[in-house]
């Protein structure tokens, strides 16, 4: 079960709830503001709207250019929605069809040759839950620590300055 704070609003502090409410209100108002040029003509009889429209001082030509732009964007959004809907419908009707080739399985010997390690060591590492892999500048594995040796091998750094050279090790 995921206990995200968003799914459990009772765990939010009062400040978080207030900030969330203010941000939600702001973005809803901004969303409505974006729709004003399109819905303006239908609600333009309202005195407040007349004042708002007068403050923008759009000419009829500019208004129709804006309407044409909305129509073009709307048509593009409709076409994209239809294509995505057809794709989703196709995927629902044809589940489990994988057209890509599956990768060929790699044997332990091939993997060992690639990483220049011994196959028995690689088999041992596959059974571990955590590994620390040390490698050189060319990317060749030098040493692998497993189990209790990891605590001793894991570097404890407090500084993360860009000048500091980090050891060549990955903890997996």
N, C-alpha and C. Protein backbone atom coordinates (compact mmCIF):
# COMPACT_ATOMS: atom_id res chain seq x y z
N UNK A 1 0.84 -1.18 0.00
CA UNK A 1 0.00 0.00 0.00
C UNK A 1 0.88 1.24 0.00
N UNK A 2 0.54 2.18 -0.83
CA UNK A 2 1.31 3.41 -0.95
C UNK A 2 0.73 4.46 0.00
N UNK A 3 1.54 5.00 0.89
CA UNK A 3 1.06 5.99 1.84
C UNK A 3 1.52 7.39 1.46
N UNK A 4 1.29 7.76 0.21
CA UNK A 4 1.66 9.10 -0.22
C UNK A 4 0.83 10.12 0.55
N UNK A 5 1.41 11.27 0.81
CA UNK A 5 0.71 12.32 1.55
C UNK A 5 -0.46 12.87 0.74
N UNK A 6 -0.39 12.77 -0.58
CA UNK A 6 -1.48 13.25 -1.43
C UNK A 6 -2.72 12.37 -1.26
N UNK A 7 -2.52 11.06 -1.00
CA UNK A 7 -3.64 10.15 -0.79
C UNK A 7 -4.13 10.19 0.66
N UNK A 8 -3.39 10.81 1.52
CA UNK A 8 -3.77 10.90 2.93
C UNK A 8 -3.73 12.36 3.35
N UNK A 9 -4.72 13.16 2.92
CA UNK A 9 -4.68 14.60 3.21
C UNK A 9 -4.73 14.93 4.69
N UNK A 10 -5.20 14.00 5.52
CA UNK A 10 -5.23 14.29 6.96
C UNK A 10 -3.83 14.40 7.54
N UNK A 11 -2.81 13.92 6.81
CA UNK A 11 -1.43 14.02 7.28
C UNK A 11 -0.78 15.34 6.88
N UNK A 12 -1.46 16.11 6.03
CA UNK A 12 -0.89 17.39 5.61
C UNK A 12 -1.02 18.42 6.72
N UNK A 13 -0.02 19.29 6.81
CA UNK A 13 -0.10 20.36 7.79
C UNK A 13 -1.05 21.44 7.27
N UNK A 14 -1.45 22.34 8.13
CA UNK A 14 -2.36 23.42 7.73
C UNK A 14 -1.72 24.29 6.65
N UNK A 15 -0.43 24.56 6.77
CA UNK A 15 0.26 25.37 5.77
C UNK A 15 0.24 24.69 4.41
N UNK A 16 0.46 23.37 4.39
CA UNK A 16 0.41 22.65 3.12
C UNK A 16 -0.97 22.71 2.49
N UNK A 17 -2.02 22.58 3.31
CA UNK A 17 -3.39 22.64 2.79
C UNK A 17 -3.69 24.03 2.22
N UNK A 18 -3.24 25.08 2.90
CA UNK A 18 -3.49 26.45 2.43
C UNK A 18 -2.74 26.70 1.13
N UNK A 19 -1.48 26.31 1.07
CA UNK A 19 -0.69 26.50 -0.16
C UNK A 19 -1.31 25.72 -1.31
N UNK A 20 -1.74 24.49 -1.05
CA UNK A 20 -2.37 23.68 -2.08
C UNK A 20 -3.65 24.36 -2.59
N UNK A 21 -4.45 24.89 -1.67
CA UNK A 21 -5.69 25.57 -2.07
C UNK A 21 -5.43 26.83 -2.89
N UNK A 22 -4.43 27.62 -2.49
CA UNK A 22 -4.09 28.85 -3.22
C UNK A 22 -3.58 28.51 -4.61
N UNK A 23 -2.68 27.53 -4.71
CA UNK A 23 -2.18 27.13 -6.03
C UNK A 23 -3.29 26.59 -6.93
N UNK A 24 -4.18 25.80 -6.36
CA UNK A 24 -5.30 25.27 -7.15
C UNK A 24 -6.17 26.40 -7.65
N UNK A 25 -6.51 27.35 -6.79
CA UNK A 25 -7.33 28.50 -7.21
C UNK A 25 -6.63 29.31 -8.29
N UNK A 26 -5.33 29.56 -8.13
CA UNK A 26 -4.59 30.33 -9.11
C UNK A 26 -4.64 29.66 -10.48
N UNK A 27 -4.36 28.36 -10.53
CA UNK A 27 -4.32 27.67 -11.83
C UNK A 27 -5.71 27.55 -12.45
N UNK A 28 -6.77 27.43 -11.64
CA UNK A 28 -8.12 27.44 -12.22
C UNK A 28 -8.45 28.82 -12.80
N UNK A 29 -8.09 29.86 -12.10
CA UNK A 29 -8.33 31.21 -12.63
C UNK A 29 -7.54 31.45 -13.91
N UNK A 30 -6.29 30.98 -13.94
CA UNK A 30 -5.48 31.11 -15.14
C UNK A 30 -6.10 30.33 -16.29
N UNK A 31 -6.63 29.14 -16.03
CA UNK A 31 -7.28 28.32 -17.05
C UNK A 31 -8.49 29.06 -17.62
N UNK A 32 -9.31 29.65 -16.75
CA UNK A 32 -10.48 30.40 -17.23
C UNK A 32 -10.04 31.63 -18.03
N UNK A 33 -8.97 32.27 -17.60
CA UNK A 33 -8.47 33.43 -18.33
C UNK A 33 -8.05 33.07 -19.75
N UNK A 34 -7.46 31.89 -19.92
CA UNK A 34 -7.05 31.45 -21.25
C UNK A 34 -8.24 31.24 -22.18
N UNK A 35 -9.40 30.92 -21.62
CA UNK A 35 -10.59 30.69 -22.44
C UNK A 35 -11.34 31.98 -22.77
N UNK A 36 -11.01 33.10 -22.16
CA UNK A 36 -11.76 34.35 -22.37
C UNK A 36 -11.87 34.77 -23.84
N UNK A 37 -10.80 34.71 -24.63
CA UNK A 37 -10.96 35.14 -26.02
C UNK A 37 -11.97 34.30 -26.81
N UNK A 38 -12.11 33.04 -26.44
CA UNK A 38 -13.03 32.17 -27.18
C UNK A 38 -14.47 32.34 -26.71
N UNK A 39 -14.68 32.46 -25.41
CA UNK A 39 -16.05 32.57 -24.90
C UNK A 39 -16.50 34.01 -24.73
N UNK A 40 -15.61 34.94 -24.98
CA UNK A 40 -15.94 36.36 -24.83
C UNK A 40 -17.18 36.83 -25.59
N UNK A 41 -17.32 36.47 -26.86
CA UNK A 41 -18.49 36.96 -27.61
C UNK A 41 -19.82 36.51 -27.02
N UNK A 42 -19.88 35.33 -26.41
CA UNK A 42 -21.14 34.84 -25.89
C UNK A 42 -21.48 35.45 -24.54
N UNK A 43 -20.51 35.96 -23.82
CA UNK A 43 -20.80 36.57 -22.52
C UNK A 43 -20.45 38.06 -22.54
N UNK A 44 -20.31 38.62 -23.73
CA UNK A 44 -19.85 40.01 -23.81
C UNK A 44 -20.92 41.02 -23.43
N UNK A 45 -22.15 40.61 -23.22
CA UNK A 45 -23.18 41.56 -22.81
C UNK A 45 -23.05 41.95 -21.34
N UNK A 46 -22.33 41.20 -20.58
CA UNK A 46 -22.14 41.51 -19.17
C UNK A 46 -21.26 42.75 -19.05
N UNK A 47 -21.62 43.71 -18.17
CA UNK A 47 -20.84 44.96 -18.05
C UNK A 47 -19.36 44.73 -17.71
N UNK A 48 -19.09 43.75 -16.87
CA UNK A 48 -17.70 43.47 -16.51
C UNK A 48 -16.94 42.98 -17.74
N UNK A 49 -17.57 42.15 -18.55
CA UNK A 49 -16.93 41.66 -19.77
C UNK A 49 -16.72 42.79 -20.77
N UNK A 50 -17.68 43.71 -20.87
CA UNK A 50 -17.52 44.85 -21.78
C UNK A 50 -16.29 45.66 -21.39
N UNK A 51 -16.11 45.85 -20.08
CA UNK A 51 -14.96 46.60 -19.59
C UNK A 51 -13.66 45.85 -19.90
N UNK A 52 -13.65 44.53 -19.69
CA UNK A 52 -12.46 43.73 -19.95
C UNK A 52 -12.12 43.73 -21.44
N UNK A 53 -13.13 43.56 -22.29
CA UNK A 53 -12.90 43.53 -23.73
C UNK A 53 -12.42 44.90 -24.21
N UNK A 54 -12.99 45.97 -23.65
CA UNK A 54 -12.58 47.32 -24.04
C UNK A 54 -11.13 47.58 -23.64
N UNK A 55 -10.68 46.98 -22.54
CA UNK A 55 -9.30 47.20 -22.11
C UNK A 55 -8.32 46.52 -23.05
N UNK A 56 -8.71 45.45 -23.73
CA UNK A 56 -7.83 44.78 -24.66
C UNK A 56 -7.80 45.45 -26.03
N UNK A 57 -8.88 46.12 -26.39
CA UNK A 57 -8.99 46.88 -27.64
C UNK A 57 -8.63 46.05 -28.86
N UNK A 58 -9.32 44.93 -29.01
CA UNK A 58 -9.15 44.10 -30.19
C UNK A 58 -10.01 44.67 -31.32
N UNK A 59 -9.48 44.70 -32.50
CA UNK A 59 -10.31 45.04 -33.65
C UNK A 59 -11.01 43.76 -34.10
N UNK A 60 -12.02 43.91 -34.96
CA UNK A 60 -12.73 42.73 -35.44
C UNK A 60 -11.79 41.80 -36.22
N UNK A 61 -10.87 42.38 -36.98
CA UNK A 61 -9.92 41.56 -37.74
C UNK A 61 -9.04 40.73 -36.79
N UNK A 62 -8.53 41.38 -35.75
CA UNK A 62 -7.69 40.67 -34.80
C UNK A 62 -8.46 39.57 -34.10
N UNK A 63 -9.73 39.86 -33.77
CA UNK A 63 -10.55 38.87 -33.10
C UNK A 63 -10.74 37.66 -34.01
N UNK A 64 -11.04 37.85 -35.29
CA UNK A 64 -11.27 36.72 -36.20
C UNK A 64 -9.97 35.96 -36.49
N UNK A 65 -8.85 36.65 -36.47
CA UNK A 65 -7.57 35.95 -36.60
C UNK A 65 -7.37 35.02 -35.40
N UNK A 66 -7.73 35.52 -34.21
CA UNK A 66 -7.63 34.71 -33.00
C UNK A 66 -8.58 33.52 -33.07
N UNK A 67 -9.80 33.74 -33.54
CA UNK A 67 -10.76 32.65 -33.68
C UNK A 67 -10.24 31.62 -34.68
N UNK A 68 -9.69 32.08 -35.81
CA UNK A 68 -9.11 31.16 -36.79
C UNK A 68 -7.98 30.33 -36.18
N UNK A 69 -7.16 30.98 -35.36
CA UNK A 69 -6.07 30.26 -34.69
C UNK A 69 -6.62 29.18 -33.77
N UNK A 70 -7.66 29.51 -33.00
CA UNK A 70 -8.28 28.52 -32.13
C UNK A 70 -8.85 27.37 -32.94
N UNK A 71 -9.44 27.66 -34.08
CA UNK A 71 -10.00 26.61 -34.93
C UNK A 71 -8.89 25.68 -35.44
N UNK A 72 -7.78 26.25 -35.88
CA UNK A 72 -6.66 25.45 -36.37
C UNK A 72 -6.11 24.57 -35.26
N UNK A 73 -5.91 25.16 -34.09
CA UNK A 73 -5.39 24.38 -32.96
C UNK A 73 -6.40 23.31 -32.56
N UNK A 74 -7.68 23.64 -32.58
CA UNK A 74 -8.71 22.67 -32.25
C UNK A 74 -8.73 21.51 -33.22
N UNK A 75 -8.60 21.80 -34.51
CA UNK A 75 -8.57 20.74 -35.52
C UNK A 75 -7.35 19.85 -35.31
N UNK A 76 -6.20 20.46 -35.04
CA UNK A 76 -4.98 19.66 -34.79
C UNK A 76 -5.16 18.78 -33.56
N UNK A 77 -5.75 19.33 -32.50
CA UNK A 77 -5.98 18.53 -31.29
C UNK A 77 -6.97 17.41 -31.56
N UNK A 78 -7.99 17.68 -32.37
CA UNK A 78 -8.97 16.65 -32.71
C UNK A 78 -8.32 15.52 -33.51
N UNK A 79 -7.50 15.88 -34.49
CA UNK A 79 -6.82 14.86 -35.30
C UNK A 79 -5.90 14.01 -34.42
N UNK A 80 -5.13 14.64 -33.55
CA UNK A 80 -4.24 13.90 -32.65
C UNK A 80 -5.05 12.99 -31.73
N UNK A 81 -6.18 13.49 -31.22
CA UNK A 81 -7.03 12.68 -30.34
C UNK A 81 -7.59 11.48 -31.07
N UNK A 82 -8.03 11.68 -32.31
CA UNK A 82 -8.58 10.57 -33.09
C UNK A 82 -7.50 9.51 -33.35
N UNK A 83 -6.30 9.95 -33.75
CA UNK A 83 -5.21 9.01 -34.01
C UNK A 83 -4.85 8.24 -32.74
N UNK A 84 -4.74 8.93 -31.62
CA UNK A 84 -4.40 8.26 -30.36
C UNK A 84 -5.53 7.31 -29.93
N UNK A 85 -6.78 7.70 -30.16
CA UNK A 85 -7.91 6.84 -29.84
C UNK A 85 -7.91 5.57 -30.67
N UNK A 86 -7.64 5.70 -31.98
CA UNK A 86 -7.56 4.53 -32.85
C UNK A 86 -6.42 3.61 -32.40
N UNK A 87 -5.30 4.20 -32.05
CA UNK A 87 -4.15 3.41 -31.59
C UNK A 87 -4.51 2.66 -30.30
N UNK A 88 -5.15 3.36 -29.36
CA UNK A 88 -5.54 2.72 -28.10
C UNK A 88 -6.54 1.60 -28.37
N UNK A 89 -7.51 1.82 -29.25
CA UNK A 89 -8.49 0.81 -29.59
C UNK A 89 -7.81 -0.41 -30.21
N UNK A 90 -6.87 -0.18 -31.10
CA UNK A 90 -6.13 -1.28 -31.73
C UNK A 90 -5.38 -2.09 -30.67
N UNK A 91 -4.72 -1.40 -29.74
CA UNK A 91 -3.97 -2.10 -28.70
C UNK A 91 -4.88 -2.87 -27.76
N UNK A 92 -6.11 -2.37 -27.53
CA UNK A 92 -7.06 -3.10 -26.70
C UNK A 92 -7.58 -4.34 -27.41
N UNK A 93 -7.78 -4.23 -28.71
CA UNK A 93 -8.32 -5.35 -29.49
C UNK A 93 -7.27 -6.42 -29.77
N UNK A 94 -6.00 -6.07 -29.73
CA UNK A 94 -4.92 -7.00 -30.06
C UNK A 94 -3.92 -7.10 -28.91
N UNK A 95 -4.34 -7.59 -27.75
CA UNK A 95 -3.40 -7.63 -26.62
C UNK A 95 -2.38 -8.74 -26.78
N UNK A 96 -1.22 -8.50 -26.25
CA UNK A 96 -0.20 -9.53 -26.19
C UNK A 96 0.56 -9.78 -27.48
N UNK A 97 0.26 -9.06 -28.51
CA UNK A 97 1.00 -9.25 -29.76
C UNK A 97 2.27 -8.43 -29.70
N UNK A 98 3.37 -9.10 -29.68
CA UNK A 98 4.65 -8.41 -29.64
C UNK A 98 5.34 -8.63 -30.97
N UNK A 99 5.54 -7.57 -31.71
CA UNK A 99 6.15 -7.68 -33.03
C UNK A 99 7.68 -7.58 -32.97
N UNK A 100 8.19 -7.08 -31.88
CA UNK A 100 9.63 -6.99 -31.76
C UNK A 100 10.21 -8.35 -31.44
N UNK A 101 11.42 -8.57 -31.92
CA UNK A 101 12.09 -9.82 -31.61
C UNK A 101 12.59 -9.80 -30.18
N UNK A 102 12.47 -10.91 -29.56
CA UNK A 102 12.99 -11.02 -28.20
C UNK A 102 14.52 -11.09 -28.27
N UNK A 103 15.21 -10.49 -27.32
CA UNK A 103 16.67 -10.58 -27.34
C UNK A 103 17.11 -12.03 -27.09
N UNK A 104 18.16 -12.39 -27.74
CA UNK A 104 18.67 -13.75 -27.55
C UNK A 104 19.27 -13.86 -26.16
N UNK A 105 19.02 -14.96 -25.47
CA UNK A 105 19.57 -15.11 -24.12
C UNK A 105 21.09 -15.18 -24.17
N UNK A 106 21.69 -14.59 -23.16
CA UNK A 106 23.15 -14.57 -23.07
C UNK A 106 23.57 -15.61 -22.05
N UNK A 107 24.49 -16.43 -22.42
CA UNK A 107 24.97 -17.46 -21.48
C UNK A 107 25.93 -16.83 -20.48
N UNK A 108 26.14 -17.55 -19.40
CA UNK A 108 27.06 -17.08 -18.37
C UNK A 108 28.47 -16.95 -18.94
N UNK A 109 28.85 -17.90 -19.80
CA UNK A 109 30.19 -17.85 -20.40
C UNK A 109 30.36 -16.60 -21.27
N UNK A 110 29.36 -16.26 -22.07
CA UNK A 110 29.43 -15.07 -22.91
C UNK A 110 29.53 -13.81 -22.05
N UNK A 111 28.72 -13.77 -20.99
CA UNK A 111 28.75 -12.62 -20.09
C UNK A 111 30.10 -12.50 -19.40
N UNK A 112 30.65 -13.62 -18.97
CA UNK A 112 31.96 -13.63 -18.31
C UNK A 112 33.05 -13.16 -19.27
N UNK A 113 33.00 -13.62 -20.53
CA UNK A 113 33.99 -13.18 -21.52
C UNK A 113 33.87 -11.67 -21.77
N UNK A 114 32.65 -11.18 -21.85
CA UNK A 114 32.45 -9.76 -22.12
C UNK A 114 33.03 -8.89 -21.01
N UNK A 115 32.79 -9.27 -19.75
CA UNK A 115 33.27 -8.47 -18.63
C UNK A 115 34.65 -8.89 -18.14
N UNK A 116 35.28 -9.85 -18.80
CA UNK A 116 36.62 -10.35 -18.48
C UNK A 116 36.68 -10.79 -17.01
N UNK A 117 35.76 -11.69 -16.65
CA UNK A 117 35.75 -12.29 -15.32
C UNK A 117 35.58 -13.79 -15.47
N UNK A 118 35.73 -14.53 -14.37
CA UNK A 118 35.57 -15.99 -14.41
C UNK A 118 34.09 -16.35 -14.24
N UNK A 119 33.66 -17.38 -14.96
CA UNK A 119 32.25 -17.80 -14.93
C UNK A 119 31.78 -18.22 -13.54
N UNK A 120 32.59 -18.96 -12.73
CA UNK A 120 32.12 -19.32 -11.38
C UNK A 120 31.89 -18.08 -10.50
N UNK A 121 32.75 -17.07 -10.64
CA UNK A 121 32.56 -15.84 -9.87
C UNK A 121 31.26 -15.17 -10.28
N UNK A 122 30.98 -15.12 -11.58
CA UNK A 122 29.76 -14.50 -12.08
C UNK A 122 28.52 -15.23 -11.56
N UNK A 123 28.56 -16.56 -11.52
CA UNK A 123 27.45 -17.32 -10.95
C UNK A 123 27.24 -17.00 -9.48
N UNK A 124 28.35 -16.82 -8.76
CA UNK A 124 28.26 -16.47 -7.34
C UNK A 124 27.63 -15.08 -7.17
N UNK A 125 28.01 -14.15 -8.02
CA UNK A 125 27.49 -12.78 -7.94
C UNK A 125 25.99 -12.73 -8.25
N UNK A 126 25.52 -13.61 -9.14
CA UNK A 126 24.10 -13.62 -9.48
C UNK A 126 23.23 -13.93 -8.27
N UNK A 127 23.77 -14.67 -7.31
CA UNK A 127 23.01 -15.03 -6.12
C UNK A 127 23.02 -13.96 -5.05
N UNK A 128 23.86 -12.95 -5.19
CA UNK A 128 23.97 -11.90 -4.17
C UNK A 128 22.87 -10.86 -4.32
N UNK A 129 22.50 -10.24 -3.20
CA UNK A 129 21.50 -9.17 -3.25
C UNK A 129 22.13 -7.81 -3.53
N UNK A 130 23.38 -7.65 -3.11
CA UNK A 130 24.04 -6.35 -3.29
C UNK A 130 25.51 -6.58 -3.62
N UNK A 131 26.00 -5.82 -4.59
CA UNK A 131 27.39 -5.91 -5.01
C UNK A 131 27.98 -4.50 -5.08
N UNK A 132 29.27 -4.41 -4.82
CA UNK A 132 30.01 -3.18 -5.10
C UNK A 132 31.05 -3.56 -6.13
N UNK A 133 30.94 -2.95 -7.32
CA UNK A 133 31.82 -3.30 -8.43
C UNK A 133 32.86 -2.20 -8.59
N UNK A 134 34.12 -2.56 -8.49
CA UNK A 134 35.23 -1.62 -8.66
C UNK A 134 35.78 -1.83 -10.07
N UNK A 135 36.02 -0.77 -10.77
CA UNK A 135 36.52 -0.88 -12.14
C UNK A 135 37.61 0.16 -12.37
N UNK A 136 38.38 -0.01 -13.44
CA UNK A 136 39.47 0.92 -13.73
C UNK A 136 38.99 1.99 -14.72
N UNK A 137 39.92 2.81 -15.16
CA UNK A 137 39.59 3.92 -16.06
C UNK A 137 39.02 3.46 -17.40
N UNK A 138 39.38 2.25 -17.84
CA UNK A 138 38.89 1.73 -19.12
C UNK A 138 37.56 1.01 -18.95
N UNK A 139 37.05 0.89 -17.73
CA UNK A 139 35.78 0.22 -17.48
C UNK A 139 35.89 -1.26 -17.25
N UNK A 140 37.08 -1.75 -17.03
CA UNK A 140 37.28 -3.18 -16.78
C UNK A 140 37.12 -3.44 -15.28
N UNK A 141 36.37 -4.48 -14.96
CA UNK A 141 36.11 -4.81 -13.56
C UNK A 141 37.41 -5.25 -12.89
N UNK A 142 37.74 -4.61 -11.77
CA UNK A 142 38.94 -4.94 -11.02
C UNK A 142 38.63 -5.83 -9.82
N UNK A 143 37.52 -5.52 -9.13
CA UNK A 143 37.20 -6.26 -7.91
C UNK A 143 35.70 -6.10 -7.65
N UNK A 144 35.09 -7.14 -7.10
CA UNK A 144 33.68 -7.09 -6.72
C UNK A 144 33.57 -7.49 -5.26
N UNK A 145 32.98 -6.62 -4.46
CA UNK A 145 32.77 -6.92 -3.03
C UNK A 145 31.33 -7.36 -2.84
N UNK A 146 31.14 -8.39 -2.03
CA UNK A 146 29.81 -8.90 -1.73
C UNK A 146 29.65 -9.01 -0.23
N UNK A 147 28.41 -9.05 0.22
CA UNK A 147 28.10 -9.30 1.63
C UNK A 147 28.73 -8.31 2.59
N UNK A 148 29.44 -8.82 3.61
CA UNK A 148 30.00 -7.99 4.68
C UNK A 148 31.10 -7.08 4.19
N UNK A 149 31.77 -7.45 3.11
CA UNK A 149 32.86 -6.63 2.58
C UNK A 149 32.34 -5.30 2.02
N UNK A 150 31.05 -5.22 1.77
CA UNK A 150 30.50 -3.99 1.18
C UNK A 150 30.62 -2.82 2.14
N UNK A 151 30.34 -3.04 3.42
CA UNK A 151 30.40 -1.95 4.39
C UNK A 151 31.79 -1.35 4.45
N UNK A 152 32.82 -2.17 4.36
CA UNK A 152 34.19 -1.68 4.40
C UNK A 152 34.56 -0.99 3.09
N UNK A 153 33.97 -1.43 1.98
CA UNK A 153 34.34 -0.89 0.67
C UNK A 153 33.56 0.36 0.30
N UNK A 154 32.39 0.58 0.90
CA UNK A 154 31.57 1.73 0.54
C UNK A 154 32.20 3.00 1.07
N UNK A 155 32.53 3.96 0.19
CA UNK A 155 33.16 5.18 0.66
C UNK A 155 32.18 6.05 1.43
N UNK A 156 32.66 6.63 2.50
CA UNK A 156 31.85 7.54 3.30
C UNK A 156 32.37 8.95 3.06
N UNK A 157 31.72 9.68 2.16
CA UNK A 157 32.17 11.04 1.86
C UNK A 157 31.14 12.03 2.36
N UNK A 158 31.62 13.14 2.88
CA UNK A 158 30.72 14.20 3.32
C UNK A 158 30.71 15.35 2.34
N UNK A 159 31.75 15.48 1.56
CA UNK A 159 31.84 16.57 0.60
C UNK A 159 31.51 16.04 -0.79
N UNK A 160 30.77 16.83 -1.55
CA UNK A 160 30.45 16.45 -2.93
C UNK A 160 30.88 17.54 -3.89
N UNK A 161 32.05 18.10 -3.63
CA UNK A 161 32.53 19.15 -4.51
C UNK A 161 32.91 18.56 -5.87
N UNK A 162 32.79 19.34 -6.95
CA UNK A 162 33.13 18.82 -8.27
C UNK A 162 34.61 18.48 -8.42
N UNK A 163 35.47 19.09 -7.59
CA UNK A 163 36.91 18.85 -7.68
C UNK A 163 37.29 17.47 -7.12
N UNK A 164 36.44 16.98 -6.21
CA UNK A 164 36.77 15.74 -5.52
C UNK A 164 36.61 14.56 -6.48
N UNK A 165 37.63 13.71 -6.52
CA UNK A 165 37.59 12.53 -7.40
C UNK A 165 36.94 11.40 -6.65
N UNK A 166 35.80 10.92 -7.17
CA UNK A 166 35.10 9.82 -6.53
C UNK A 166 35.73 8.50 -6.97
N UNK A 167 35.66 7.49 -6.13
CA UNK A 167 36.25 6.19 -6.49
C UNK A 167 35.45 5.55 -7.63
N UNK A 168 36.12 4.70 -8.39
CA UNK A 168 35.46 4.00 -9.48
C UNK A 168 34.75 2.78 -8.92
N UNK A 169 33.54 2.96 -8.39
CA UNK A 169 32.77 1.85 -7.84
C UNK A 169 31.30 2.15 -7.98
N UNK A 170 30.54 1.13 -8.27
CA UNK A 170 29.09 1.23 -8.29
C UNK A 170 28.54 0.27 -7.26
N UNK A 171 27.62 0.74 -6.45
CA UNK A 171 26.95 -0.14 -5.49
C UNK A 171 25.64 -0.56 -6.13
N UNK A 172 25.46 -1.85 -6.29
CA UNK A 172 24.25 -2.39 -6.90
C UNK A 172 23.45 -3.15 -5.87
